[in-house]
């Protein structure tokens, strides 16, 4: 029963059938749920938890600055020499 109006609700309430009717509507809604779609098929050669076939993990990050580079720049900063690209030669740019 899906077609009901206010007069039907009033009649069910008067007869005491409203709670049973509402429970039946809830049960019917639960049983009409559609099944979830099937997951897509796995590609051939699929290994769970592994890198995809034909790919490789990234290599180590390149080291841009060595410890000697850092030490040299810190010494230049401490002596106030600044940087080679310092436009005003103030030592802080």
N, C-alpha and C. Protein backbone atom coordinates (compact mmCIF):
# COMPACT_ATOMS: atom_id res chain seq x y z
N UNK A 1 0.85 -1.17 0.00
CA UNK A 1 0.00 0.00 0.00
C UNK A 1 0.89 1.23 0.00
N UNK A 2 0.90 1.94 -1.10
CA UNK A 2 1.72 3.15 -1.19
C UNK A 2 0.87 4.40 -1.38
N UNK A 3 -0.40 4.23 -1.73
CA UNK A 3 -1.27 5.39 -1.92
C UNK A 3 -2.13 5.58 -0.68
N UNK A 4 -1.79 6.53 0.16
CA UNK A 4 -2.60 6.84 1.34
C UNK A 4 -2.55 8.34 1.55
N UNK A 5 -3.58 8.85 2.17
CA UNK A 5 -3.65 10.29 2.41
C UNK A 5 -3.97 10.54 3.88
N UNK A 6 -4.27 11.76 4.21
CA UNK A 6 -4.49 12.14 5.60
C UNK A 6 -5.69 11.43 6.20
N UNK A 7 -6.73 11.18 5.41
CA UNK A 7 -7.91 10.49 5.95
C UNK A 7 -7.57 9.04 6.28
N UNK A 8 -6.72 8.40 5.47
CA UNK A 8 -6.30 7.03 5.77
C UNK A 8 -5.49 6.99 7.06
N UNK A 9 -4.60 7.95 7.24
CA UNK A 9 -3.80 8.01 8.46
C UNK A 9 -4.70 8.22 9.67
N UNK A 10 -5.69 9.11 9.54
CA UNK A 10 -6.62 9.37 10.65
C UNK A 10 -7.40 8.12 10.99
N UNK A 11 -7.84 7.37 9.97
CA UNK A 11 -8.61 6.14 10.22
C UNK A 11 -7.73 5.09 10.89
N UNK A 12 -6.47 4.94 10.45
CA UNK A 12 -5.57 3.96 11.06
C UNK A 12 -5.27 4.34 12.50
N UNK A 13 -5.12 5.61 12.77
CA UNK A 13 -4.86 6.06 14.13
C UNK A 13 -6.08 5.77 15.02
N UNK A 14 -7.26 5.99 14.49
CA UNK A 14 -8.49 5.76 15.24
C UNK A 14 -8.65 4.28 15.57
N UNK A 15 -8.27 3.40 14.63
CA UNK A 15 -8.41 1.96 14.84
C UNK A 15 -7.22 1.36 15.57
N UNK A 16 -6.12 2.13 15.72
CA UNK A 16 -4.94 1.62 16.43
C UNK A 16 -4.00 0.84 15.52
N UNK A 17 -4.15 0.98 14.23
CA UNK A 17 -3.31 0.24 13.28
C UNK A 17 -2.15 1.07 12.73
N UNK A 18 -2.02 2.30 13.15
CA UNK A 18 -1.02 3.18 12.55
C UNK A 18 0.40 2.68 12.80
N UNK A 19 0.71 2.27 14.02
CA UNK A 19 2.09 1.82 14.31
C UNK A 19 2.43 0.57 13.51
N UNK A 20 1.49 -0.35 13.38
CA UNK A 20 1.74 -1.55 12.57
C UNK A 20 1.94 -1.21 11.11
N UNK A 21 1.14 -0.26 10.62
CA UNK A 21 1.28 0.17 9.22
C UNK A 21 2.66 0.80 8.98
N UNK A 22 3.08 1.66 9.90
CA UNK A 22 4.38 2.31 9.74
C UNK A 22 5.53 1.31 9.82
N UNK A 23 5.41 0.33 10.72
CA UNK A 23 6.45 -0.71 10.80
C UNK A 23 6.51 -1.50 9.50
N UNK A 24 5.34 -1.80 8.95
CA UNK A 24 5.31 -2.52 7.67
C UNK A 24 5.94 -1.72 6.55
N UNK A 25 5.73 -0.40 6.55
CA UNK A 25 6.35 0.45 5.54
C UNK A 25 7.88 0.44 5.69
N UNK A 26 8.35 0.46 6.93
CA UNK A 26 9.80 0.41 7.16
C UNK A 26 10.39 -0.92 6.71
N UNK A 27 9.70 -2.03 7.05
CA UNK A 27 10.19 -3.35 6.63
C UNK A 27 10.24 -3.46 5.12
N UNK A 28 9.22 -2.95 4.45
CA UNK A 28 9.19 -3.03 2.99
C UNK A 28 10.33 -2.21 2.39
N UNK A 29 10.65 -1.08 3.00
CA UNK A 29 11.75 -0.26 2.49
C UNK A 29 13.09 -0.93 2.67
N UNK A 30 13.26 -1.68 3.75
CA UNK A 30 14.53 -2.36 3.98
C UNK A 30 14.74 -3.50 3.00
N UNK A 31 13.68 -4.21 2.65
CA UNK A 31 13.83 -5.36 1.77
C UNK A 31 13.97 -4.95 0.32
N UNK A 32 13.63 -3.73 -0.04
CA UNK A 32 13.71 -3.31 -1.43
C UNK A 32 15.05 -2.69 -1.79
N UNK A 33 16.01 -2.74 -0.91
CA UNK A 33 17.31 -2.17 -1.22
C UNK A 33 17.95 -2.93 -2.38
N UNK A 34 18.55 -2.19 -3.25
CA UNK A 34 19.22 -2.82 -4.38
C UNK A 34 20.59 -3.32 -3.95
N UNK A 35 21.06 -4.31 -4.61
CA UNK A 35 22.39 -4.84 -4.30
C UNK A 35 23.44 -3.88 -4.84
N UNK A 36 24.55 -3.73 -4.17
CA UNK A 36 25.58 -2.83 -4.67
C UNK A 36 26.17 -3.37 -5.97
N UNK A 37 26.66 -2.50 -6.82
CA UNK A 37 27.23 -2.97 -8.08
C UNK A 37 28.49 -3.80 -7.82
N UNK A 38 28.72 -4.74 -8.69
CA UNK A 38 29.89 -5.60 -8.55
C UNK A 38 31.15 -4.79 -8.80
N UNK A 39 32.21 -5.03 -8.04
CA UNK A 39 33.45 -4.29 -8.28
C UNK A 39 34.03 -4.65 -9.65
N UNK A 40 34.78 -3.75 -10.26
CA UNK A 40 35.34 -4.06 -11.57
C UNK A 40 36.33 -5.21 -11.45
N UNK A 41 36.48 -5.98 -12.51
CA UNK A 41 37.41 -7.12 -12.44
C UNK A 41 38.85 -6.65 -12.31
N UNK A 42 39.65 -7.44 -11.63
CA UNK A 42 41.06 -7.11 -11.44
C UNK A 42 41.81 -7.31 -12.76
N UNK A 43 42.77 -6.46 -13.05
CA UNK A 43 43.54 -6.65 -14.28
C UNK A 43 44.40 -7.90 -14.18
N UNK A 44 44.77 -8.47 -15.32
CA UNK A 44 45.59 -9.68 -15.27
C UNK A 44 46.94 -9.39 -14.60
N UNK A 45 47.38 -10.31 -13.80
CA UNK A 45 48.65 -10.15 -13.10
C UNK A 45 48.55 -9.27 -11.87
N UNK A 46 47.35 -9.01 -11.39
CA UNK A 46 47.16 -8.16 -10.21
C UNK A 46 47.66 -8.86 -8.96
N UNK A 47 48.47 -8.15 -8.19
CA UNK A 47 48.96 -8.66 -6.92
C UNK A 47 48.60 -7.65 -5.85
N UNK A 48 47.74 -7.99 -4.91
CA UNK A 48 47.33 -7.03 -3.89
C UNK A 48 48.52 -6.54 -3.07
N UNK A 49 48.62 -5.24 -2.89
CA UNK A 49 49.68 -4.67 -2.08
C UNK A 49 50.98 -4.42 -2.81
N UNK A 50 51.07 -4.78 -4.08
CA UNK A 50 52.29 -4.59 -4.85
C UNK A 50 52.15 -3.39 -5.77
N UNK A 51 53.28 -2.92 -6.29
CA UNK A 51 53.24 -1.86 -7.29
C UNK A 51 52.61 -2.42 -8.56
N UNK A 52 51.91 -1.60 -9.33
CA UNK A 52 51.32 -2.09 -10.58
C UNK A 52 52.40 -2.61 -11.51
N UNK A 53 52.02 -3.54 -12.35
CA UNK A 53 52.97 -4.11 -13.29
C UNK A 53 53.48 -3.01 -14.21
N UNK A 54 54.77 -2.99 -14.48
CA UNK A 54 55.36 -1.98 -15.34
C UNK A 54 55.73 -0.70 -14.62
N UNK A 55 55.50 -0.63 -13.34
CA UNK A 55 55.86 0.57 -12.56
C UNK A 55 56.92 0.18 -11.54
N UNK A 56 57.59 1.18 -11.04
CA UNK A 56 58.58 0.91 -10.01
C UNK A 56 58.46 1.97 -8.93
N UNK A 57 58.86 1.66 -7.73
CA UNK A 57 58.78 2.66 -6.66
C UNK A 57 59.75 3.80 -6.95
N UNK A 58 59.46 4.97 -6.42
CA UNK A 58 60.37 6.08 -6.67
C UNK A 58 61.72 5.84 -6.01
N UNK A 59 62.72 6.39 -6.61
CA UNK A 59 64.07 6.27 -6.06
C UNK A 59 64.24 7.18 -4.86
N UNK A 60 65.40 7.14 -4.24
CA UNK A 60 65.62 8.03 -3.09
C UNK A 60 65.61 9.49 -3.54
N UNK A 61 65.23 10.36 -2.61
CA UNK A 61 65.20 11.78 -2.93
C UNK A 61 66.62 12.27 -3.20
N UNK A 62 66.78 13.09 -4.21
CA UNK A 62 68.13 13.60 -4.46
C UNK A 62 68.53 14.57 -3.35
N UNK A 63 69.79 14.48 -2.97
CA UNK A 63 70.28 15.40 -1.95
C UNK A 63 70.76 16.65 -2.66
N UNK A 64 70.12 17.75 -2.38
CA UNK A 64 70.48 18.99 -3.05
C UNK A 64 71.63 19.69 -2.34
N UNK A 65 71.67 19.59 -1.04
CA UNK A 65 72.70 20.29 -0.29
C UNK A 65 73.39 19.29 0.64
N UNK A 66 74.68 19.26 0.56
CA UNK A 66 75.44 18.38 1.43
C UNK A 66 75.74 19.12 2.73
N UNK A 67 76.27 18.39 3.67
CA UNK A 67 76.62 19.01 4.96
C UNK A 67 77.69 20.08 4.77
N UNK A 68 78.61 19.86 3.82
CA UNK A 68 79.66 20.86 3.56
C UNK A 68 79.05 22.14 2.99
N UNK A 69 78.03 21.99 2.12
CA UNK A 69 77.34 23.18 1.58
C UNK A 69 76.70 23.99 2.70
N UNK A 70 76.03 23.31 3.61
CA UNK A 70 75.38 24.00 4.72
C UNK A 70 76.42 24.72 5.59
N UNK A 71 77.50 24.04 5.89
CA UNK A 71 78.53 24.64 6.75
C UNK A 71 79.14 25.87 6.08
N UNK A 72 79.43 25.78 4.78
CA UNK A 72 80.02 26.91 4.06
C UNK A 72 79.08 28.12 4.07
N UNK A 73 77.78 27.88 3.84
CA UNK A 73 76.82 28.99 3.83
C UNK A 73 76.61 29.57 5.22
N UNK A 74 76.62 28.72 6.25
CA UNK A 74 76.51 29.24 7.61
C UNK A 74 77.71 30.11 7.97
N UNK A 75 78.89 29.68 7.57
CA UNK A 75 80.08 30.49 7.84
C UNK A 75 80.01 31.83 7.12
N UNK A 76 79.54 31.83 5.88
CA UNK A 76 79.40 33.09 5.13
C UNK A 76 78.38 34.00 5.80
N UNK A 77 77.29 33.42 6.29
CA UNK A 77 76.26 34.22 6.95
C UNK A 77 76.79 34.82 8.25
N UNK A 78 77.54 34.01 9.01
CA UNK A 78 78.05 34.48 10.29
C UNK A 78 79.09 35.59 10.12
N UNK A 79 79.84 35.54 9.03
CA UNK A 79 80.85 36.58 8.81
C UNK A 79 80.28 37.78 8.07
N UNK A 80 79.00 37.71 7.68
CA UNK A 80 78.35 38.85 7.02
C UNK A 80 78.67 38.99 5.56
N UNK A 81 79.16 37.93 4.93
CA UNK A 81 79.50 38.01 3.51
C UNK A 81 78.27 37.97 2.61
N UNK A 82 77.16 37.43 3.08
CA UNK A 82 75.97 37.33 2.25
C UNK A 82 76.07 36.23 1.22
N UNK A 83 75.36 36.40 0.15
CA UNK A 83 75.28 35.39 -0.89
C UNK A 83 75.84 35.95 -2.18
N UNK A 84 76.24 35.07 -3.09
CA UNK A 84 76.79 35.52 -4.37
C UNK A 84 75.77 36.33 -5.17
N UNK A 85 74.49 36.03 -5.00
CA UNK A 85 73.44 36.73 -5.74
C UNK A 85 72.87 37.90 -4.95
N UNK A 86 73.55 38.37 -3.95
CA UNK A 86 73.07 39.47 -3.11
C UNK A 86 73.13 40.77 -3.92
N UNK A 87 71.97 41.38 -4.24
CA UNK A 87 71.99 42.57 -5.11
C UNK A 87 72.55 43.81 -4.42
N UNK A 88 72.37 43.94 -3.11
CA UNK A 88 72.81 45.17 -2.44
C UNK A 88 74.04 44.96 -1.57
N UNK A 89 74.56 43.76 -1.52
CA UNK A 89 75.77 43.43 -0.74
C UNK A 89 75.64 43.81 0.73
N UNK A 90 74.44 43.66 1.27
CA UNK A 90 74.24 44.00 2.68
C UNK A 90 74.56 42.82 3.59
N UNK A 91 74.61 41.62 3.03
CA UNK A 91 74.90 40.45 3.83
C UNK A 91 73.67 39.76 4.38
N UNK A 92 72.51 40.34 4.19
CA UNK A 92 71.30 39.73 4.72
C UNK A 92 70.34 39.26 3.63
N UNK A 93 70.56 39.63 2.39
CA UNK A 93 69.65 39.24 1.31
C UNK A 93 69.89 37.80 0.90
